[in-house]
Amino acid sequence: MAKLDDLLARLLGGASDANIRFDDLCHLLVQLGFEERICGSHHIFRKAGVEERINLQRDNSKAKVYQVRQVRAIVLKYNLGGRESC
């Protein structure tokens, strides 16, 4: 669980968006209660109470930077990380 807490802190910190592993980000979203559906190269996440759907694609072993930013915005908007939004 400490690894997920570290990843969440890195995600919310925003300093290392280009260094977030794709598999770790997918695992974090599942741990936050999102349901994952895979359609080809697209990993689509949805959750009850969250209006937006998250669509992730690999960039080799990393998550795409703009998609990491989208995930951060949703986590902050819905206070999914246990922190208060700014």
Protein backbone atom coordinates (compact mmCIF):
# COMPACT_ATOMS: atom_id res chain seq x y z
CA MET A 1 0.00 0.00 0.00
CA ALA A 2 2.93 2.33 0.59
CA LYS A 3 3.81 2.11 -3.10
CA LEU A 4 0.31 3.30 -4.04
CA ASP A 5 0.53 6.14 -1.51
CA ASP A 6 3.86 7.18 -3.02
CA LEU A 7 2.41 7.06 -6.53
CA LEU A 8 -0.59 9.10 -5.45
CA ALA A 9 1.72 11.68 -3.89
CA ARG A 10 3.79 11.84 -7.10
CA LEU A 11 0.62 12.15 -9.18
CA LEU A 12 -0.78 14.95 -7.08
CA GLY A 13 2.58 16.70 -6.83
CA GLY A 14 2.81 17.02 -10.59
CA ALA A 15 6.61 17.13 -10.77
CA SER A 16 7.11 13.78 -12.51
CA ASP A 17 4.24 13.42 -14.98
CA ALA A 18 6.54 11.94 -17.62
CA ASN A 19 7.82 9.24 -15.26
CA ILE A 20 4.57 7.56 -14.18
CA ARG A 21 4.47 3.91 -15.19
CA PHE A 22 1.34 2.95 -17.12
CA ASP A 23 0.71 -0.25 -15.14
CA ASP A 24 1.10 1.62 -11.84
CA LEU A 25 -1.38 4.30 -12.89
CA CYS A 26 -3.92 1.65 -13.95
CA HIS A 27 -3.47 -0.18 -10.64
CA LEU A 28 -3.92 3.08 -8.72
CA LEU A 29 -7.20 3.82 -10.50
CA VAL A 30 -8.51 0.33 -9.71
CA GLN A 31 -7.54 0.83 -6.06
CA LEU A 32 -9.44 4.15 -6.08
CA GLY A 33 -12.58 2.23 -7.08
CA PHE A 34 -12.61 2.61 -10.86
CA GLU A 35 -13.76 -0.23 -13.10
CA GLU A 36 -11.40 -1.01 -15.97
CA ARG A 37 -12.45 -2.04 -19.46
CA ILE A 38 -9.89 -2.78 -22.15
CA CYS A 39 -10.73 -2.19 -25.79
CA GLY A 40 -7.68 -2.76 -27.97
CA SER A 41 -4.93 -0.45 -26.74
CA HIS A 42 -7.37 1.71 -24.76
CA HIS A 43 -7.86 1.18 -21.04
CA ILE A 44 -11.10 2.88 -20.08
CA PHE A 45 -11.90 3.59 -16.44
CA ARG A 46 -15.20 4.66 -14.96
CA LYS A 47 -16.59 5.02 -11.49
CA ALA A 48 -20.02 5.72 -10.07
CA GLY A 49 -20.26 9.34 -9.02
CA VAL A 50 -17.51 10.44 -11.41
CA GLU A 51 -18.89 12.09 -14.53
CA GLU A 52 -15.74 11.77 -16.64
CA ARG A 53 -14.35 8.59 -18.13
CA ILE A 54 -10.61 8.11 -18.12
CA ASN A 55 -9.09 6.73 -21.30
CA LEU A 56 -5.43 5.68 -21.00
CA GLN A 57 -2.98 4.42 -23.59
CA ARG A 58 0.59 3.23 -23.22
CA ASP A 59 3.61 5.22 -24.30
CA ASN A 60 6.03 2.27 -24.10
CA SER A 61 6.04 1.46 -20.36
CA LYS A 62 4.95 4.95 -19.28
CA ALA A 63 1.59 6.68 -19.21
CA LYS A 64 1.12 9.57 -21.61
CA VAL A 65 1.83 12.89 -19.92
CA TYR A 66 -1.43 14.59 -20.90
CA GLN A 67 -3.39 11.60 -19.60
CA VAL A 68 -1.54 11.74 -16.26
CA ARG A 69 -2.64 15.39 -16.02
CA GLN A 70 -6.23 14.39 -16.78
CA VAL A 71 -6.15 11.74 -14.03
CA ARG A 72 -4.74 14.30 -11.56
CA ALA A 73 -7.53 16.75 -12.40
CA ILE A 74 -10.20 14.09 -11.79
CA VAL A 75 -8.61 12.87 -8.55
CA LEU A 76 -8.50 16.45 -7.27
CA LYS A 77 -11.99 17.37 -8.54
CA TYR A 78 -13.64 14.43 -6.78
CA ASN A 79 -11.22 14.34 -3.81
CA LEU A 80 -10.42 10.69 -4.52
CA GLY A 81 -6.96 10.74 -3.04
CA GLY A 82 -8.07 11.58 0.46
CA ARG A 83 -6.69 15.11 0.21
CA GLU A 84 -8.68 18.29 0.09
CA SER A 85 -8.84 19.93 -3.33
CA CYS A 86 -7.38 23.39 -3.78
